[in-house]
Amino acid sequence: MGRVGLRVWVIVCVTAVSLCVWQARSAAISLDKDGDMKLGVRTYVNARVGTESTHEGVPNKGNAEASNSATFPFSSAGHLRQNRAFIEVELNHDLGRLIKEGVGPLSLLNDLPFKIKSMAYHFTFRGEGDGLYDWGPNEYSTADAFNAFAAAHGPNPLVSNQREAFVQVNSNRRRLRRLGTDRERLFEAYLETSVGNLFLRTGRQVLSWGETDGFQLLDHINPIDSSFGGFLVGLDERRVPLDMMRAQYYFGDLGPVSEVFLEGYAAIDNKVGYNPGTPAGSPWALPSLGAPSNDTKTFELAPARTINNTRGGGRLVFNVFDATFSLAHYYTYFDTPALQVMTSGFPTNNNNKTLLNAFDDGLPCPKGNPLTPDPTNLHCGAPAHVFQTAPKVQVSGLTTTFALPQFYSVVRSELAYFKDEPSFSQGQLDPFLFNLSQPVTTRQQTGGRRLRDSINYVIGIDSNQWIRALNPNQTFLISTQFFYKHIRNAGDGPIYNQDGSLNANRSVLPVDLDLKDFFLRGSNVGRLEPIFITQPSDQFLQTLFIGTSYRSGTVNPGLTVFYDWGGAFVYQPAITLVRDPFRFTMDYSILDAHTYKGGSGVSLLKDRDNVQFRVEYVI
């Protein structure tokens, strides 16, 4: 078609559309005559700069308070660690007026045998981007760190039959960019309606139970995704919506109990927090797990979308004695996966080179059932396989919230019992232990999968108090929480038994799964086992937030503190300047710990101190 013909075609189309719109104008229906539709937009861009160099390596001192792992890639102080762009667009449309006026097919709803009290739909779009891997420092914007790692951890000269270098630079680099550069998605999409005292919401959505801030207790319904943005991104931005049906029935007052309602949900979805997980090369990966492995192949197995794998449960909420109580019980999948390590067996002798040769024979690749090897594919590129799976966890608990008016305070607390949550021990994860403890009857050995129960409790107080010497016009919000966790049958005790053997049943954190430490030591080794970071059976965590505002809410300083009683701190002073619709925030995150510790995991990121500058736009 020539240029003249194209112009004629465009003119005809525009004219036809204009006539249709003009003719239909008299029959048009106003969708937002009474403000039924609400559109909200929130967007920001930040720059997060490291204020300390990451750890290149910490010598293994042979105890649980040390780790031989390093942060990958190494990044010097002053280097950019994040350049995050975020946009969220929300659309809410209340259909109540259109139903009442009988507009189009909505008029059929007026003929139902029951009356619809309200109906609405909701859409949320989210877009995320990070320019770190495009114009950030060399360790993030190029593959140099991957190439250097591959050169240092290539084929082991001690292993004569090693078939290949297991560090795949191109695939690891592509995965990092695919997961960390940009992501756009229809985040939430659901329809909700009320019929009498019954409320229903169906579609992709987020549901949060519990009374905590910053850390989760009863709030384990939706997965938390740390693959994009890292742990310093707020929980609300990291929650993953699920395809879910939620129902709530309001009973009202029942004797001395008031405001009673029953809420339940069911979700058939395969999303879990560890899939895809934080990719190798991310500035927010845990130590030892941040580098690509030259000896371990990981398989992330998500639950199938079946009735048997449905997440769901319910809670009863009511008021009594001037307090709000809730009783909850549900089934879900935690963000931390259960781990099962599989290797080929090797003979028990004192010849380290023979051990290495036998251990490096490799495993067949999975086929069909992921935990079943495929005998037709005898080498899968790594001598050890780690299978990440999601056991269904039972969460049972209760919450209470009540006010103390005389102290201008609110007290909130939660008590929860977790059944069959993932747990780990060195005897289960360490191939150098379970291979030597089992007879070599097959070419496949495993330490199995471990689950344990735990008791969890939190109490929090939110208080508004005057400190007129610091701010004569506005109160200070002081919010603190105290978390306690007890792991049942945690295997406490010394790291080494009296006979010098390792206490392999003691709970550990799964942050040292690579076997490279053993390979690099060669034949002159003492103990073959890497020392994992131990997990105490009793864990304590305290949080504190203090904030106020000046100049009619345009200047908002605040201080957030986390204290893990195992010996780790997070300090985060911040200030936000508001001039609607803009907000400018600057904060400094200081993560401090002398050694790597278990518990909350705060100490594992003690080399990531950073300062953030963020500009936000909200309408």
Foldseek 3Di string as FASTA:
>chain_A
DDPVVVVVVVVVVVVVVVVVCVVCVVVDDDQQPPHQKDKKKKKKWKWWFFQAWFFPAWDFPPAQQFFGFGAPPTDGGGWTQWTKIKMKMKMKGKCVVVLVVLPDPSVVQVVDPFDWPTKMKMWMKMKMFTCCCCPTDPRRVDLVRLVVVQVVQWDFPLAPPQDTFLRDSVVLNVVLCVQEGMDIDGQWIWMWTDTPQKIKIFTWDADADDDDALDDDPGFAFAFAQQYDASVPGRVVRTGTFGKMKMKGWDADDVQKGRKMKIKMKTQGFDAHVVVHHGASRSRDFTQVNHDFRAEAEDEDTDHRDPVPMKMWMKMWIDHPQKIKMWIKIKHWYNAFWKKKKFFAADDDLFVSRRVNLLSQAAAQADDPRVDHDVVRGHDSHRMYMYTYTDIKMKTKMKMKHDDVVQQKIKIKMKIKIFFHFWDFQCQQWCVRQSHVDDNPDRMTISDTDTWMKIKMKMKMWGWADPCVVPVPGTKIKIKMKIKMATPPQQDDGQADPVRHGSRSHIFDPNNRHQVVLSVVPSPDDDSTGRGNGADRMWMKMKIKIWIAPDVRQKIWMWIWMDTVVFKIWIKTKIWGDDPQKIKMKIWIAIDGPGQHHHPRSNSSRRRTIIMIMMMGID
